[in-house]
Amino acid sequence: MNIKRKRVLILGARAPVTLHLCRVLEDGGMDVYTADSVPYALAKTTNRIKEFFLYPSPKYETQEFINCLIQIIKNKRVDILMPTCEEIFFVSMYKDQLSAYCDVVVDDLEKNEITPS
């Protein structure tokens, strides 16, 4: 029986936790891709990923960032989007749009808002 390997795209490749996630998920049988807005990201060169992608600044070019993610997800047939670092907030804002293409591992932004007491 031929079982399809899940494909995961992990954002925030500069973070040490991303490198750890790459190792764990690849050991678990997933095809792992990483991406970041900085070109010299820590997880960029690990042999545990299939490919690294450079995306626009989520903070300053939000719509371009989201469009870039959608293109990566579609082109690589990504099953799961897993943001780390501050990308979580931007992905959360566009979760509905991104969820049309893959599973998005992020909570709703409204749940994370702090309300004054």
C-alpha atoms as a PDB file:
ATOM      1  CA  MET A   1       0.000   0.000   0.000  1.00  0.00           C
ATOM      2  CA  ASN A   2       1.333   3.414  -0.999  1.00  0.00           C
ATOM      3  CA  ILE A   3       0.678   5.975   1.760  1.00  0.00           C
ATOM      4  CA  LYS A   4       0.897   9.657   0.817  1.00  0.00           C
ATOM      5  CA  ARG A   5       3.353  11.557   2.976  1.00  0.00           C
ATOM      6  CA  LYS A   6       1.891  14.724   4.481  1.00  0.00           C
ATOM      7  CA  ARG A   7       3.586  17.973   3.489  1.00  0.00           C
ATOM      8  CA  VAL A   8       4.095  20.667   6.110  1.00  0.00           C
ATOM      9  CA  LEU A   9       5.273  24.243   5.657  1.00  0.00           C
ATOM     10  CA  ILE A  10       6.855  25.708   8.794  1.00  0.00           C
ATOM     11  CA  LEU A  11       7.226  29.485   8.953  1.00  0.00           C
ATOM     12  CA  GLY A  12       9.873  31.320  10.969  1.00  0.00           C
ATOM     13  CA  ALA A  13      12.841  29.234   9.820  1.00  0.00           C
ATOM     14  CA  ARG A  14      15.159  31.531  11.797  1.00  0.00           C
ATOM     15  CA  ALA A  15      13.953  30.099  15.127  1.00  0.00           C
ATOM     16  CA  PRO A  16      15.697  27.174  16.858  1.00  0.00           C
ATOM     17  CA  VAL A  17      12.268  25.621  17.545  1.00  0.00           C
ATOM     18  CA  THR A  18      11.668  25.456  13.795  1.00  0.00           C
ATOM     19  CA  LEU A  19      14.833  23.433  13.308  1.00  0.00           C
ATOM     20  CA  HIS A  20      13.649  21.066  16.045  1.00  0.00           C
ATOM     21  CA  LEU A  21      10.196  20.779  14.419  1.00  0.00           C
ATOM     22  CA  CYS A  22      11.845  19.975  11.078  1.00  0.00           C
ATOM     23  CA  ARG A  23      13.722  17.085  12.676  1.00  0.00           C
ATOM     24  CA  VAL A  24      10.738  15.718  14.569  1.00  0.00           C
ATOM     25  CA  LEU A  25       8.266  15.975  11.680  1.00  0.00           C
ATOM     26  CA  GLU A  26      10.672  14.555   9.101  1.00  0.00           C
ATOM     27  CA  ASP A  27      11.461  11.657  11.462  1.00  0.00           C
ATOM     28  CA  GLY A  28       7.688  11.170  11.713  1.00  0.00           C
ATOM     29  CA  GLY A  29       7.412  10.664   7.972  1.00  0.00           C
ATOM     30  CA  MET A  30       6.437  14.122   6.728  1.00  0.00           C
ATOM     31  CA  ASP A  31       7.858  16.137   3.855  1.00  0.00           C
ATOM     32  CA  VAL A  32       8.985  19.391   5.476  1.00  0.00           C
ATOM     33  CA  TYR A  33       9.341  22.817   3.869  1.00  0.00           C
ATOM     34  CA  THR A  34      10.435  25.994   5.667  1.00  0.00           C
ATOM     35  CA  ALA A  35      10.131  29.673   4.905  1.00  0.00           C
ATOM     36  CA  ASP A  36      11.094  33.025   6.385  1.00  0.00           C
ATOM     37  CA  SER A  37      11.424  36.704   5.576  1.00  0.00           C
ATOM     38  CA  VAL A  38      15.141  36.646   6.399  1.00  0.00           C
ATOM     39  CA  PRO A  39      17.439  35.034   3.847  1.00  0.00           C
ATOM     40  CA  TYR A  40      19.902  33.509   6.342  1.00  0.00           C
ATOM     41  CA  ALA A  41      17.498  31.460   8.458  1.00  0.00           C
ATOM     42  CA  LEU A  42      18.766  28.727  10.789  1.00  0.00           C
ATOM     43  CA  ALA A  43      16.619  25.915   9.333  1.00  0.00           C
ATOM     44  CA  LYS A  44      17.361  26.892   5.731  1.00  0.00           C
ATOM     45  CA  THR A  45      20.261  24.497   5.277  1.00  0.00           C
ATOM     46  CA  THR A  46      19.185  21.458   7.274  1.00  0.00           C
ATOM     47  CA  ASN A  47      19.007  18.201   5.346  1.00  0.00           C
ATOM     48  CA  ARG A  48      15.615  17.573   7.003  1.00  0.00           C
ATOM     49  CA  ILE A  49      13.732  19.901   4.636  1.00  0.00           C
ATOM     50  CA  LYS A  50      12.752  19.591   1.001  1.00  0.00           C
ATOM     51  CA  GLU A  51      13.037  23.308   0.238  1.00  0.00           C
ATOM     52  CA  PHE A  52      13.337  26.775   1.785  1.00  0.00           C
ATOM     53  CA  PHE A  53      11.290  29.771   0.620  1.00  0.00           C
ATOM     54  CA  LEU A  54      11.838  33.473   1.170  1.00  0.00           C
ATOM     55  CA  TYR A  55       8.657  35.498   1.709  1.00  0.00           C
ATOM     56  CA  PRO A  56       7.938  39.245   2.059  1.00  0.00           C
ATOM     57  CA  SER A  57       7.802  40.907   5.460  1.00  0.00           C
ATOM     58  CA  PRO A  58       4.554  39.916   7.197  1.00  0.00           C
ATOM     59  CA  LYS A  59       4.544  43.220   9.082  1.00  0.00           C
ATOM     60  CA  TYR A  60       5.237  45.631   6.235  1.00  0.00           C
ATOM     61  CA  GLU A  61       3.939  43.674   3.219  1.00  0.00           C
ATOM     62  CA  THR A  62       1.112  41.674   4.759  1.00  0.00           C
ATOM     63  CA  GLN A  63      -0.968  41.034   1.643  1.00  0.00           C
ATOM     64  CA  GLU A  64       2.122  40.090  -0.379  1.00  0.00           C
ATOM     65  CA  PHE A  65       3.127  37.736   2.453  1.00  0.00           C
ATOM     66  CA  ILE A  66      -0.278  36.014   2.384  1.00  0.00           C
ATOM     67  CA  ASN A  67      -0.255  35.804  -1.432  1.00  0.00           C
ATOM     68  CA  CYS A  68       3.225  34.281  -1.334  1.00  0.00           C
ATOM     69  CA  LEU A  69       2.125  31.675   1.208  1.00  0.00           C
ATOM     70  CA  ILE A  70      -0.847  30.731  -0.939  1.00  0.00           C
ATOM     71  CA  GLN A  71       1.413  30.267  -3.971  1.00  0.00           C
ATOM     72  CA  ILE A  72       3.846  28.072  -2.009  1.00  0.00           C
ATOM     73  CA  ILE A  73       0.980  26.024  -0.563  1.00  0.00           C
ATOM     74  CA  LYS A  74      -0.571  25.507  -3.996  1.00  0.00           C
ATOM     75  CA  ASN A  75       2.695  24.815  -5.844  1.00  0.00           C
ATOM     76  CA  LYS A  76       4.030  22.322  -3.279  1.00  0.00           C
ATOM     77  CA  ARG A  77       0.604  20.884  -2.399  1.00  0.00           C
ATOM     78  CA  VAL A  78       1.157  21.637   1.296  1.00  0.00           C
ATOM     79  CA  ASP A  79      -1.221  19.867   3.689  1.00  0.00           C
ATOM     80  CA  ILE A  80      -0.341  21.740   6.883  1.00  0.00           C
ATOM     81  CA  LEU A  81       0.791  25.323   7.539  1.00  0.00           C
ATOM     82  CA  MET A  82       2.584  25.751  10.854  1.00  0.00           C
ATOM     83  CA  PRO A  83       3.719  29.283  11.753  1.00  0.00           C
ATOM     84  CA  THR A  84       6.197  30.087  14.511  1.00  0.00           C
ATOM     85  CA  CYS A  85       7.473  33.460  15.748  1.00  0.00           C
ATOM     86  CA  GLU A  86       5.437  36.611  15.038  1.00  0.00           C
ATOM     87  CA  GLU A  87       4.126  35.164  11.772  1.00  0.00           C
ATOM     88  CA  ILE A  88       1.503  33.487  13.957  1.00  0.00           C
ATOM     89  CA  PHE A  89      -0.374  36.775  14.342  1.00  0.00           C
ATOM     90  CA  PHE A  90      -0.491  37.510  10.608  1.00  0.00           C
ATOM     91  CA  VAL A  91      -1.457  33.953   9.680  1.00  0.00           C
ATOM     92  CA  SER A  92      -4.151  34.063  12.355  1.00  0.00           C
ATOM     93  CA  MET A  93      -5.609  37.236  10.823  1.00  0.00           C
ATOM     94  CA  TYR A  94      -5.887  35.468   7.446  1.00  0.00           C
ATOM     95  CA  LYS A  95      -6.662  31.989   8.766  1.00  0.00           C
ATOM     96  CA  ASP A  96      -9.981  31.725   6.910  1.00  0.00           C
ATOM     97  CA  GLN A  97      -8.356  32.597   3.594  1.00  0.00           C
ATOM     98  CA  LEU A  98      -5.403  30.225   4.108  1.00  0.00           C
ATOM     99  CA  SER A  99      -7.597  27.393   5.398  1.00  0.00           C
ATOM    100  CA  ALA A 100      -9.127  27.111   1.942  1.00  0.00           C
ATOM    101  CA  TYR A 101      -5.828  25.564   0.788  1.00  0.00           C
ATOM    102  CA  CYS A 102      -4.538  23.555   3.767  1.00  0.00           C
ATOM    103  CA  ASP A 103      -4.885  22.937   7.489  1.00  0.00           C
ATOM    104  CA  VAL A 104      -3.589  25.941   9.436  1.00  0.00           C
ATOM    105  CA  VAL A 105      -2.138  25.249  12.871  1.00  0.00           C
ATOM    106  CA  VAL A 106      -2.956  28.518  14.612  1.00  0.00           C
ATOM    107  CA  ASP A 107      -5.634  29.712  16.995  1.00  0.00           C
ATOM    108  CA  ASP A 108      -8.085  32.493  16.219  1.00  0.00           C
ATOM    109  CA  LEU A 109      -6.594  35.942  16.763  1.00  0.00           C
ATOM    110  CA  GLU A 110      -9.574  37.079  18.854  1.00  0.00           C
ATOM    111  CA  LYS A 111      -8.774  34.477  21.500  1.00  0.00           C
ATOM    112  CA  ASN A 112      -5.347  36.018  21.975  1.00  0.00           C
ATOM    113  CA  GLU A 113      -6.441  39.634  22.368  1.00  0.00           C
ATOM    114  CA  ILE A 114      -5.957  41.191  25.777  1.00  0.00           C
ATOM    115  CA  THR A 115      -8.975  43.043  27.109  1.00  0.00           C
ATOM    116  CA  PRO A 116      -8.621  45.677  29.814  1.00  0.00           C
ATOM    117  CA  SER A 117     -10.201  44.791  33.153  1.00  0.00           C
END
